[in-house]
C-alpha atoms as a PDB file:
ATOM      1  CA  MET A   1      11.830   6.580  15.182  1.00  0.00           C
ATOM      2  CA  ARG A   2      10.451   5.026  18.397  1.00  0.00           C
ATOM      3  CA  ALA A   3      10.490   8.408  20.180  1.00  0.00           C
ATOM      4  CA  LYS A   4       8.576  10.053  17.313  1.00  0.00           C
ATOM      5  CA  LYS A   5       5.955   7.293  17.196  1.00  0.00           C
ATOM      6  CA  SER A   6       5.613   7.381  20.989  1.00  0.00           C
ATOM      7  CA  SER A   7       5.239  11.154  20.891  1.00  0.00           C
ATOM      8  CA  ASP A   8       2.626  10.992  18.120  1.00  0.00           C
ATOM      9  CA  ALA A   9       0.570   8.394  20.021  1.00  0.00           C
ATOM     10  CA  LEU A  10       0.752  10.317  23.300  1.00  0.00           C
ATOM     11  CA  TRP A  11      -0.006  13.667  21.642  1.00  0.00           C
ATOM     12  CA  GLU A  12      -3.087  12.329  19.864  1.00  0.00           C
ATOM     13  CA  ASP A  13      -4.843  11.531  23.147  1.00  0.00           C
ATOM     14  CA  ASP A  14      -3.436  14.379  25.288  1.00  0.00           C
ATOM     15  CA  GLN A  15      -6.589  16.471  25.525  1.00  0.00           C
ATOM     16  CA  ALA A  16      -5.355  18.584  28.471  1.00  0.00           C
ATOM     17  CA  SER A  17      -2.281  19.878  26.651  1.00  0.00           C
ATOM     18  CA  HIS A  18      -4.322  20.748  23.559  1.00  0.00           C
ATOM     19  CA  TRP A  19      -6.937  22.522  25.693  1.00  0.00           C
ATOM     20  CA  VAL A  20      -4.317  24.587  27.559  1.00  0.00           C
ATOM     21  CA  GLY A  21      -2.639  25.574  24.271  1.00  0.00           C
ATOM     22  CA  ILE A  22       0.664  23.735  24.619  1.00  0.00           C
ATOM     23  CA  GLU A  23       2.633  23.232  21.414  1.00  0.00           C
ATOM     24  CA  ARG A  24       4.795  20.155  20.909  1.00  0.00           C
ATOM     25  CA  GLY A  25       8.406  20.645  19.910  1.00  0.00           C
ATOM     26  CA  ALA A  26      11.267  18.207  19.445  1.00  0.00           C
ATOM     27  CA  VAL A  27      11.075  14.822  21.160  1.00  0.00           C
ATOM     28  CA  SER A  28      13.859  12.241  21.272  1.00  0.00           C
ATOM     29  CA  GLU A  29      14.740   9.450  23.697  1.00  0.00           C
ATOM     30  CA  GLY A  30      14.761  10.976  27.174  1.00  0.00           C
ATOM     31  CA  HIS A  31      14.254  14.524  25.893  1.00  0.00           C
ATOM     32  CA  ALA A  32      11.287  16.739  25.012  1.00  0.00           C
ATOM     33  CA  VAL A  33      10.533  20.391  24.322  1.00  0.00           C
ATOM     34  CA  MET A  34       7.082  21.975  24.697  1.00  0.00           C
ATOM     35  CA  SER A  35       5.973  25.599  24.541  1.00  0.00           C
ATOM     36  CA  LEU A  36       3.077  27.798  25.607  1.00  0.00           C
ATOM     37  CA  ALA A  37       2.172  31.277  24.407  1.00  0.00           C
ATOM     38  CA  VAL A  38       0.862  32.895  27.601  1.00  0.00           C
ATOM     39  CA  GLN A  39      -2.554  34.435  27.028  1.00  0.00           C
ATOM     40  CA  LYS A  40      -4.834  36.375  29.344  1.00  0.00           C
ATOM     41  CA  HIS A  41      -6.782  33.233  30.283  1.00  0.00           C
ATOM     42  CA  HIS A  42      -3.526  31.698  31.598  1.00  0.00           C
ATOM     43  CA  SER A  43      -3.088  34.511  34.155  1.00  0.00           C
ATOM     44  CA  ASN A  44      -3.925  34.526  37.845  1.00  0.00           C
ATOM     45  CA  GLY A  45      -5.310  37.285  40.110  1.00  0.00           C
ATOM     46  CA  HIS A  46      -1.920  39.027  40.097  1.00  0.00           C
ATOM     47  CA  GLY A  47      -1.985  39.347  36.310  1.00  0.00           C
ATOM     48  CA  ILE A  48       0.934  36.944  35.840  1.00  0.00           C
ATOM     49  CA  CYS A  49       1.004  33.434  34.409  1.00  0.00           C
ATOM     50  CA  HIS A  50      -0.678  31.052  36.843  1.00  0.00           C
ATOM     51  CA  GLY A  51       1.806  28.665  38.460  1.00  0.00           C
ATOM     52  CA  GLY A  52      -0.485  25.774  37.555  1.00  0.00           C
ATOM     53  CA  MET A  53      -0.068  26.626  33.866  1.00  0.00           C
ATOM     54  CA  ILE A  54       3.727  26.707  34.221  1.00  0.00           C
ATOM     55  CA  PHE A  55       3.631  23.387  36.080  1.00  0.00           C
ATOM     56  CA  THR A  56       1.352  21.899  33.402  1.00  0.00           C
ATOM     57  CA  LEU A  57       3.810  22.937  30.693  1.00  0.00           C
ATOM     58  CA  ALA A  58       6.763  21.450  32.611  1.00  0.00           C
ATOM     59  CA  ASP A  59       4.812  18.282  33.424  1.00  0.00           C
ATOM     60  CA  THR A  60       3.900  17.830  29.758  1.00  0.00           C
ATOM     61  CA  ALA A  61       7.541  18.055  28.656  1.00  0.00           C
ATOM     62  CA  PHE A  62       8.407  15.581  31.432  1.00  0.00           C
ATOM     63  CA  ALA A  63       5.670  13.195  30.258  1.00  0.00           C
ATOM     64  CA  PHE A  64       6.872  13.197  26.661  1.00  0.00           C
ATOM     65  CA  ALA A  65      10.508  12.688  27.691  1.00  0.00           C
ATOM     66  CA  CYS A  66       9.770   9.746  29.977  1.00  0.00           C
ATOM     67  CA  ASN A  67       7.352   8.097  27.510  1.00  0.00           C
ATOM     68  CA  SER A  68       9.780   8.395  24.592  1.00  0.00           C
ATOM     69  CA  ARG A  69      10.757   4.709  24.628  1.00  0.00           C
ATOM     70  CA  ASN A  70       7.216   3.379  24.107  1.00  0.00           C
ATOM     71  CA  HIS A  71       6.724   2.211  27.692  1.00  0.00           C
ATOM     72  CA  ASN A  72       3.697   3.628  29.500  1.00  0.00           C
ATOM     73  CA  THR A  73       5.232   5.847  32.150  1.00  0.00           C
ATOM     74  CA  VAL A  74       3.581   8.076  34.739  1.00  0.00           C
ATOM     75  CA  ALA A  75       4.698  10.680  37.246  1.00  0.00           C
ATOM     76  CA  GLN A  76       5.570   9.347  40.663  1.00  0.00           C
ATOM     77  CA  ASN A  77       6.620  12.684  42.164  1.00  0.00           C
ATOM     78  CA  ASN A  78       7.253  16.194  40.862  1.00  0.00           C
ATOM     79  CA  MET A  79       8.710  19.243  42.558  1.00  0.00           C
ATOM     80  CA  VAL A  80       8.647  22.654  40.924  1.00  0.00           C
ATOM     81  CA  THR A  81      10.494  25.808  41.921  1.00  0.00           C
ATOM     82  CA  PHE A  82       9.257  29.096  40.487  1.00  0.00           C
ATOM     83  CA  VAL A  83      12.067  31.560  39.843  1.00  0.00           C
ATOM     84  CA  ALA A  84      10.435  34.447  37.942  1.00  0.00           C
ATOM     85  CA  PRO A  85       6.906  35.232  36.743  1.00  0.00           C
ATOM     86  CA  GLY A  86       5.684  34.590  33.239  1.00  0.00           C
ATOM     87  CA  GLN A  87       3.748  37.454  31.696  1.00  0.00           C
ATOM     88  CA  VAL A  88       0.864  37.606  29.254  1.00  0.00           C
ATOM     89  CA  GLY A  89       2.527  37.710  25.823  1.00  0.00           C
ATOM     90  CA  ASP A  90       5.519  35.586  26.829  1.00  0.00           C
ATOM     91  CA  VAL A  91       6.291  32.342  25.049  1.00  0.00           C
ATOM     92  CA  LEU A  92       7.400  29.829  27.650  1.00  0.00           C
ATOM     93  CA  THR A  93       9.450  26.801  26.652  1.00  0.00           C
ATOM     94  CA  ALA A  94       9.893  23.709  28.801  1.00  0.00           C
ATOM     95  CA  THR A  95      12.882  21.511  28.050  1.00  0.00           C
ATOM     96  CA  ALA A  96      12.947  18.106  29.755  1.00  0.00           C
ATOM     97  CA  ARG A  97      16.016  15.910  29.915  1.00  0.00           C
ATOM     98  CA  GLU A  98      16.556  12.509  31.397  1.00  0.00           C
ATOM     99  CA  VAL A  99      19.037  12.450  34.277  1.00  0.00           C
ATOM    100  CA  SER A 100      18.761   8.763  35.183  1.00  0.00           C
ATOM    101  CA  LEU A 101      16.828   5.695  34.077  1.00  0.00           C
ATOM    102  CA  ALA A 102      17.189   2.542  36.176  1.00  0.00           C
ATOM    103  CA  GLY A 103      14.695  -0.273  35.753  1.00  0.00           C
ATOM    104  CA  ARG A 104      11.193   1.197  35.986  1.00  0.00           C
ATOM    105  CA  SER A 105      12.274   4.462  37.678  1.00  0.00           C
ATOM    106  CA  GLY A 106      13.495   7.633  36.015  1.00  0.00           C
ATOM    107  CA  ILE A 107      14.652  11.097  37.049  1.00  0.00           C
ATOM    108  CA  TYR A 108      14.070  14.084  34.764  1.00  0.00           C
ATOM    109  CA  ASP A 109      14.968  17.753  35.021  1.00  0.00           C
ATOM    110  CA  VAL A 110      12.800  20.346  33.291  1.00  0.00           C
ATOM    111  CA  ARG A 111      13.744  23.990  32.724  1.00  0.00           C
ATOM    112  CA  VAL A 112      11.076  26.515  31.787  1.00  0.00           C
ATOM    113  CA  THR A 113      12.381  29.665  30.136  1.00  0.00           C
ATOM    114  CA  LYS A 114      10.795  32.583  28.330  1.00  0.00           C
ATOM    115  CA  GLN A 115      11.676  33.824  24.854  1.00  0.00           C
ATOM    116  CA  ASP A 116      14.736  35.822  25.964  1.00  0.00           C
ATOM    117  CA  GLY A 117      16.196  32.869  27.878  1.00  0.00           C
ATOM    118  CA  THR A 118      15.137  34.072  31.339  1.00  0.00           C
ATOM    119  CA  LEU A 119      14.628  31.151  33.704  1.00  0.00           C
ATOM    120  CA  ILE A 120      11.002  30.962  34.884  1.00  0.00           C
ATOM    121  CA  ALA A 121      10.933  27.620  36.727  1.00  0.00           C
ATOM    122  CA  GLU A 122      12.731  24.351  37.267  1.00  0.00           C
ATOM    123  CA  MET A 123      11.068  21.027  37.922  1.00  0.00           C
ATOM    124  CA  ARG A 124      12.435  17.660  38.953  1.00  0.00           C
ATOM    125  CA  GLY A 125      10.202  14.767  37.952  1.00  0.00           C
ATOM    126  CA  LEU A 126      10.383  11.174  39.109  1.00  0.00           C
ATOM    127  CA  SER A 127       8.774   8.658  36.764  1.00  0.00           C
ATOM    128  CA  ARG A 128       7.579   5.097  37.078  1.00  0.00           C
ATOM    129  CA  ALA A 129       7.031   2.760  34.130  1.00  0.00           C
ATOM    130  CA  ILE A 130       3.759   0.816  34.276  1.00  0.00           C
ATOM    131  CA  LYS A 131       2.271  -1.939  32.135  1.00  0.00           C
ATOM    132  CA  GLY A 132       1.604  -1.277  28.481  1.00  0.00           C
ATOM    133  CA  HIS A 133       2.891   0.587  25.470  1.00  0.00           C
ATOM    134  CA  LEU A 134       1.792   3.627  23.485  1.00  0.00           C
ATOM    135  CA  PHE A 135       1.779   1.691  20.216  1.00  0.00           C
ATOM    136  CA  ASP A 136       2.235  -1.917  19.131  1.00  0.00           C
ATOM    137  CA  GLU A 137       5.744  -2.191  17.731  1.00  0.00           C
ATOM    138  CA  ALA A 138       5.024  -5.624  16.218  1.00  0.00           C
ATOM    139  CA  ASP A 139       2.532  -3.924  13.870  1.00  0.00           C
ATOM    140  CA  GLU A 140       5.110  -1.303  12.941  1.00  0.00           C
ATOM    141  CA  GLY A 141       7.637  -3.769  11.498  1.00  0.00           C
ATOM    142  CA  GLU A 142      10.302  -2.796  14.013  1.00  0.00           C
END
């Protein structure tokens, strides 16, 4: 329940993801799935999906996974490796999973695949919890 409420609160104010066209999928503690239907305006000068769009998708899944426990958490470092190009018409899915959570620091791996399962990119994200929460749990009766 906490992961869903955290996801709902984060999603409501995530203007960038809405603007890009990212769709929210399943979110649970330490895990999140997001998708993007690649359109022409997501492409670069080579006619393939812009790496920044792929990174944004991966970073969004990372953000929802590391904020799933209702602690404000931000990216400390991210590294992305592009494996294959995304094409206009592809549906890319980013799946983030928590590898480690120790104190305020977390490690997350994100895989971006297209609709046939082809690996497009992998990202490793390092998170840092900061002050604050996404919602007030005292008001939620939890």
